[in-house]
Amino acid sequence: MTNMLIVRYLKKQYVEVIITLLVVTLLVLSFYPLFMLVIKSFKTISDDQSNPFGLPKVWSLENYEYAWIVIKPYLFNSLFVTIIQTFGIVSIGSFTAFAFVRFNFPYKNTIFYMIIALLMMPGIVTITSQYELVNKLGLVNTHWGVILPAIAGSIPFATFLLRTSFSGVSTELLDAATIDGATDFQVYYNVMLPISKPIIWTLVITSFIGGWNDYLWPSLVLLEERLHTLPIALVNFTSAYYGMTGGYGAPFAAYVISSLPLLIVFLLASKQFIAGLTSGSIKM
């Protein structure tokens, strides 16, 4: 009996060691490229070529100064596009989800399932017809040609996510607010949104990240360089800089700068974001 317990204990320890090694390996594979990107962003070209995998001999900010001058206009373009896009997704998605939860109207479930069915359609399938529509509306080479299709394409997911969360709010609470004289908009704004903050912030973060990192659609719509968003500018800057110098120091510095808004948004809403991710396991 004692031998069997020892064998089971050793097997358990063996499994734990394997799992630990696997997790550590995955962490190294995930963070090592990011670590090298930050390190190389502080290196001069000669330092990087002579010591590609080591720490900088002299920590220089020249790459950051140069990168900021290059990407600053495109950074503000991305902020404009992403903030309006995120606001549109969250506001329209929450309005739509609230309507499905609060009101009864003909074919409500059928309409909802039709919206959900759009999630099954890959975006690349509609890209040609979408571009043709944007072109006919005269939105090519404008930021609105990026913003409006992005909002429209994200509404199905936003509606699905928020309706699932809104459905967990007690109808008695909403009815009590109505009895107290609140209008439907007041119920939505003063009751539903405050209760649903975690899932709202989850949608804000996912929408902001998606809009900030989007490359394909803006590269098709924004023809003039002055309108380019940050992902387009970073690709062009990387190619041009490497062609001139054979290094990546300044582009890597630009990557670090471009990631800061995402990091700030996540830090400001991290608690709500984590709560939103786990809210599906909690019944309200």
Protein backbone atom coordinates (compact mmCIF):
# COMPACT_ATOMS: atom_id res chain seq x y z
CA MET A 1 0.00 0.00 0.00
CA THR A 2 2.82 2.38 0.91
CA ASN A 3 4.60 1.61 -2.36
CA MET A 4 1.46 2.40 -4.33
CA LEU A 5 1.12 5.77 -2.57
CA ILE A 6 4.76 6.58 -3.32
CA VAL A 7 4.30 5.67 -6.99
CA ARG A 8 1.18 7.85 -7.24
CA TYR A 9 3.00 10.71 -5.55
CA LEU A 10 5.96 10.42 -7.93
CA LYS A 11 3.64 10.31 -10.94
CA LYS A 12 1.86 13.42 -9.71
CA GLN A 13 5.17 15.23 -9.20
CA TYR A 14 6.36 14.09 -12.64
CA VAL A 15 3.19 15.47 -14.29
CA GLU A 16 3.53 18.76 -12.42
CA VAL A 17 7.15 19.12 -13.52
CA ILE A 18 6.19 18.50 -17.17
CA ILE A 19 3.35 21.03 -16.99
CA THR A 20 5.63 23.60 -15.34
CA LEU A 21 8.31 23.13 -18.00
CA LEU A 22 5.69 23.42 -20.75
CA VAL A 23 4.27 26.65 -19.28
CA VAL A 24 7.75 28.14 -18.84
CA THR A 25 8.63 27.22 -22.44
CA LEU A 26 5.48 28.86 -23.78
CA LEU A 27 6.14 31.98 -21.71
CA VAL A 28 9.69 32.22 -23.04
CA LEU A 29 8.50 31.79 -26.63
CA SER A 30 5.86 34.49 -26.07
CA PHE A 31 7.92 37.10 -24.25
CA TYR A 32 11.38 36.66 -25.76
CA PRO A 33 10.46 38.35 -29.09
CA LEU A 34 8.92 41.26 -27.16
CA PHE A 35 12.00 41.48 -24.94
CA MET A 36 14.31 41.59 -27.97
CA LEU A 37 12.12 44.17 -29.68
CA VAL A 38 12.41 46.54 -26.70
CA ILE A 39 16.16 45.90 -26.32
CA LYS A 40 16.89 46.51 -30.00
CA SER A 41 14.84 49.71 -29.97
CA PHE A 42 17.53 51.26 -27.72
CA LYS A 43 20.47 50.11 -29.86
CA THR A 44 22.32 51.99 -32.54
CA ILE A 45 22.72 50.26 -35.90
CA SER A 46 26.40 49.47 -35.33
CA ASP A 47 25.71 48.17 -31.83
CA ASP A 48 22.95 45.92 -33.10
CA GLN A 49 25.07 44.53 -35.92
CA SER A 50 28.06 43.80 -33.66
CA ASN A 51 26.00 42.39 -30.78
CA PRO A 52 22.54 41.40 -32.07
CA PHE A 53 21.41 39.40 -29.03
CA GLY A 54 23.06 41.29 -26.19
CA LEU A 55 22.11 44.35 -24.16
CA PRO A 56 22.94 47.78 -25.61
CA LYS A 57 26.41 49.10 -24.86
CA VAL A 58 24.87 52.56 -24.61
CA TRP A 59 21.13 52.99 -24.07
CA SER A 60 20.22 55.51 -26.74
CA LEU A 61 16.91 57.34 -27.26
CA GLU A 62 17.78 58.43 -30.79
CA ASN A 63 15.58 55.72 -32.30
CA TYR A 64 12.60 56.93 -30.25
CA GLU A 65 13.15 60.55 -31.20
CA TYR A 66 13.33 59.69 -34.89
CA ALA A 67 10.40 57.25 -34.71
CA TRP A 68 8.19 59.80 -32.96
CA ILE A 69 8.81 62.40 -35.68
CA VAL A 70 7.90 59.86 -38.38
CA ILE A 71 4.78 58.27 -36.87
CA LYS A 72 3.26 61.20 -34.94
CA PRO A 73 0.77 62.26 -37.68
CA TYR A 74 -0.35 58.66 -38.22
CA LEU A 75 -0.69 58.11 -34.48
CA PHE A 76 -3.30 60.85 -34.29
CA ASN A 77 -5.05 59.44 -37.37
CA SER A 78 -5.31 56.07 -35.63
CA LEU A 79 -6.57 57.66 -32.42
CA PHE A 80 -9.30 59.51 -34.32
CA VAL A 81 -10.41 56.44 -36.26
CA THR A 82 -10.21 54.00 -33.35
CA ILE A 83 -11.95 56.17 -30.73
CA ILE A 84 -14.92 56.99 -32.98
CA GLN A 85 -15.10 53.40 -34.19
CA THR A 86 -15.07 52.04 -30.63
CA PHE A 87 -17.70 54.53 -29.47
CA GLY A 88 -19.94 53.61 -32.41
CA ILE A 89 -19.62 49.87 -31.80
CA VAL A 90 -20.33 50.13 -28.08
CA SER A 91 -23.19 52.62 -28.35
CA ILE A 92 -25.04 51.01 -31.27
CA GLY A 93 -24.35 47.50 -29.99
CA SER A 94 -25.67 48.35 -26.52
CA PHE A 95 -28.75 50.09 -27.95
CA THR A 96 -29.51 47.04 -30.09
CA ALA A 97 -28.93 44.54 -27.28
CA PHE A 98 -31.10 46.58 -24.90
CA ALA A 99 -33.92 46.64 -27.46
CA PHE A 100 -33.81 42.84 -27.78
CA VAL A 101 -33.92 42.41 -24.01
CA ARG A 102 -36.39 45.11 -23.06
CA PHE A 103 -38.97 45.15 -25.85
CA ASN A 104 -41.20 42.59 -27.51
CA PHE A 105 -41.69 42.95 -31.24
CA PRO A 106 -42.61 40.59 -34.11
CA TYR A 107 -39.98 38.04 -35.12
CA LYS A 108 -37.61 39.23 -32.39
CA ASN A 109 -35.81 35.90 -32.04
CA THR A 110 -35.68 35.39 -35.81
CA ILE A 111 -34.07 38.78 -36.32
CA PHE A 112 -31.59 38.09 -33.53
CA TYR A 113 -30.58 34.75 -35.04
CA MET A 114 -30.16 36.40 -38.43
CA ILE A 115 -27.78 38.92 -36.82
CA ILE A 116 -25.89 36.11 -35.11
CA ALA A 117 -25.63 34.25 -38.42
CA LEU A 118 -23.51 37.12 -39.74
CA LEU A 119 -20.81 36.08 -37.25
CA MET A 120 -20.35 32.88 -39.24
CA MET A 121 -19.43 34.79 -42.42
CA PRO A 122 -15.72 35.55 -42.86
CA GLY A 123 -15.06 39.24 -43.42
CA ILE A 124 -12.83 38.53 -46.42
CA VAL A 125 -15.87 37.16 -48.30
CA THR A 126 -17.58 40.55 -48.35
CA ILE A 127 -14.54 42.75 -48.82
CA THR A 128 -15.07 43.28 -52.58
CA SER A 129 -18.76 44.19 -52.30
CA GLN A 130 -18.00 46.31 -49.24
CA TYR A 131 -15.36 48.27 -51.13
CA GLU A 132 -17.77 48.78 -54.03
CA LEU A 133 -20.40 50.15 -51.62
CA VAL A 134 -17.92 52.48 -49.94
CA ASN A 135 -16.73 53.68 -53.35
CA LYS A 136 -20.29 54.43 -54.51
CA LEU A 137 -20.92 56.39 -51.31
CA GLY A 138 -17.83 58.49 -51.99
CA LEU A 139 -16.08 57.38 -48.81
CA VAL A 140 -12.91 56.02 -50.41
CA ASN A 141 -9.85 57.96 -49.25
CA THR A 142 -11.65 59.23 -46.15
CA HIS A 143 -11.44 58.09 -42.55
CA TRP A 144 -15.20 57.53 -42.53
CA GLY A 145 -14.66 54.86 -45.17
CA VAL A 146 -12.75 52.96 -42.49
CA ILE A 147 -14.91 53.84 -39.50
CA LEU A 148 -18.43 53.10 -40.78
CA PRO A 149 -17.77 49.61 -42.27
CA ALA A 150 -15.86 48.65 -39.12
CA ILE A 151 -18.81 49.65 -36.94
CA ALA A 152 -21.28 47.82 -39.17
CA GLY A 153 -19.14 44.68 -39.25
CA SER A 154 -18.76 44.60 -35.45
CA ILE A 155 -22.42 45.10 -34.51
CA PRO A 156 -23.35 41.36 -34.71
CA PHE A 157 -20.67 40.40 -32.19
CA ALA A 158 -21.42 43.39 -29.96
CA THR A 159 -25.14 42.61 -30.00
CA PHE A 160 -24.56 38.95 -29.19
CA LEU A 161 -22.12 39.71 -26.37
CA LEU A 162 -24.19 42.45 -24.73
CA ARG A 163 -27.59 40.77 -25.13
CA THR A 164 -26.25 37.71 -23.35
CA SER A 165 -25.11 39.91 -20.47
CA PHE A 166 -28.17 42.18 -20.43
CA SER A 167 -30.44 39.13 -20.27
CA GLY A 168 -29.00 38.34 -16.85
CA VAL A 169 -30.23 41.63 -15.38
CA SER A 170 -33.39 41.22 -13.31
CA THR A 171 -36.49 42.34 -15.18
CA GLU A 172 -38.01 43.32 -11.82
CA LEU A 173 -35.27 45.92 -11.42
CA LEU A 174 -35.96 47.39 -14.86
CA ASP A 175 -39.72 47.38 -14.23
CA ALA A 176 -39.20 49.11 -10.89
CA ALA A 177 -37.27 51.90 -12.61
CA THR A 178 -40.10 52.27 -15.14
CA ILE A 179 -42.71 52.40 -12.38
CA ASP A 180 -40.68 55.16 -10.70
CA GLY A 181 -41.10 57.22 -13.86
CA ALA A 182 -37.89 56.47 -15.75
CA THR A 183 -38.06 56.57 -19.53
CA ASP A 184 -36.67 53.71 -21.61
CA PHE A 185 -33.50 55.70 -22.27
CA GLN A 186 -33.09 56.43 -18.55
CA VAL A 187 -33.50 52.73 -17.77
CA TYR A 188 -30.86 51.97 -20.37
CA TYR A 189 -28.43 54.69 -19.28
CA ASN A 190 -28.93 54.76 -15.51
CA VAL A 191 -29.69 51.11 -14.78
CA MET A 192 -28.54 48.76 -17.52
CA LEU A 193 -25.17 50.32 -18.36
CA PRO A 194 -23.91 50.74 -14.75
CA ILE A 195 -24.83 47.14 -13.93
CA SER A 196 -23.13 45.90 -17.11
CA LYS A 197 -19.86 47.85 -16.77
CA PRO A 198 -17.59 44.78 -16.90
CA ILE A 199 -18.97 43.47 -20.18
CA ILE A 200 -19.14 47.01 -21.64
CA TRP A 201 -15.45 47.54 -20.89
CA THR A 202 -14.65 44.14 -22.34
CA LEU A 203 -16.27 45.25 -25.59
CA VAL A 204 -14.46 48.61 -25.42
CA ILE A 205 -11.06 46.92 -25.11
CA THR A 206 -11.65 44.31 -27.81
CA SER A 207 -13.05 46.95 -30.20
CA PHE A 208 -10.19 49.36 -29.51
CA ILE A 209 -7.57 46.66 -30.08
CA GLY A 210 -9.25 45.53 -33.29
CA GLY A 211 -9.51 49.05 -34.68
CA TRP A 212 -5.99 50.04 -33.62
CA ASN A 213 -4.37 46.99 -35.24
CA ASP A 214 -6.48 46.88 -38.41
CA TYR A 215 -4.29 46.97 -41.51
CA LEU A 216 -6.02 45.37 -44.49
CA TRP A 217 -9.15 47.51 -44.85
CA PRO A 218 -7.49 50.90 -44.15
CA SER A 219 -4.75 50.04 -46.65
CA LEU A 220 -7.43 49.55 -49.32
CA VAL A 221 -9.49 52.65 -48.52
CA LEU A 222 -6.93 55.25 -47.48
CA LEU A 223 -5.03 56.12 -50.65
CA GLU A 224 -3.29 59.34 -49.61
CA GLU A 225 -0.35 59.03 -47.25
CA ARG A 226 -1.56 61.86 -45.00
CA LEU A 227 -4.65 59.78 -44.14
CA HIS A 228 -2.82 56.57 -43.32
CA THR A 229 -3.35 54.93 -39.96
CA LEU A 230 -0.52 53.67 -37.80
CA PRO A 231 -0.34 50.03 -39.02
CA ILE A 232 0.08 51.20 -42.63
CA ALA A 233 2.69 53.76 -41.61
CA LEU A 234 4.62 51.18 -39.58
CA VAL A 235 4.81 48.75 -42.50
CA ASN A 236 6.00 51.48 -44.87
CA PHE A 237 8.43 52.90 -42.32
CA THR A 238 9.95 49.48 -41.59
CA SER A 239 10.55 48.73 -45.28
CA ALA A 240 11.99 52.16 -46.04
CA TYR A 241 14.22 52.30 -42.96
CA TYR A 242 15.63 48.81 -43.45
CA GLY A 243 16.28 49.57 -47.11
CA MET A 244 18.30 52.66 -46.16
CA THR A 245 20.15 51.42 -43.07
CA GLY A 246 19.85 47.63 -42.89
CA GLY A 247 18.60 47.93 -39.29
CA TYR A 248 15.35 47.84 -37.33
CA GLY A 249 16.12 50.06 -34.33
CA ALA A 250 13.86 53.00 -35.23
CA PRO A 251 10.94 50.82 -36.48
CA PHE A 252 11.13 48.77 -33.27
CA ALA A 253 10.98 52.01 -31.29
CA ALA A 254 7.92 52.95 -33.34
CA TYR A 255 6.33 49.60 -32.46
CA VAL A 256 6.89 50.27 -28.76
CA ILE A 257 5.37 53.75 -29.03
CA SER A 258 2.39 52.45 -30.98
CA SER A 259 1.66 49.82 -28.31
CA LEU A 260 1.48 52.38 -25.47
CA PRO A 261 -2.16 53.50 -26.12
CA LEU A 262 -3.27 49.85 -26.01
CA LEU A 263 -1.35 49.32 -22.79
CA ILE A 264 -2.87 52.44 -21.23
CA VAL A 265 -6.43 51.43 -22.19
CA PHE A 266 -5.91 47.94 -20.79
CA LEU A 267 -4.40 49.20 -17.52
CA LEU A 268 -7.28 51.63 -17.01
CA ALA A 269 -9.89 48.95 -17.57
CA SER A 270 -8.09 45.75 -16.59
CA LYS A 271 -10.26 44.98 -13.55
CA GLN A 272 -13.48 45.52 -15.49
CA PHE A 273 -12.08 43.54 -18.43
CA ILE A 274 -11.23 40.51 -16.25
CA ALA A 275 -14.64 40.75 -14.57
CA GLY A 276 -16.29 40.86 -17.99
CA LEU A 277 -14.44 37.75 -19.14
CA THR A 278 -15.54 35.83 -16.06
CA SER A 279 -19.08 37.23 -15.88
CA GLY A 280 -20.44 34.33 -17.92
CA SER A 281 -19.88 32.02 -14.95
CA ILE A 282 -21.84 34.25 -12.58
CA LYS A 283 -25.62 34.26 -12.65
CA MET A 284 -27.08 37.61 -11.69
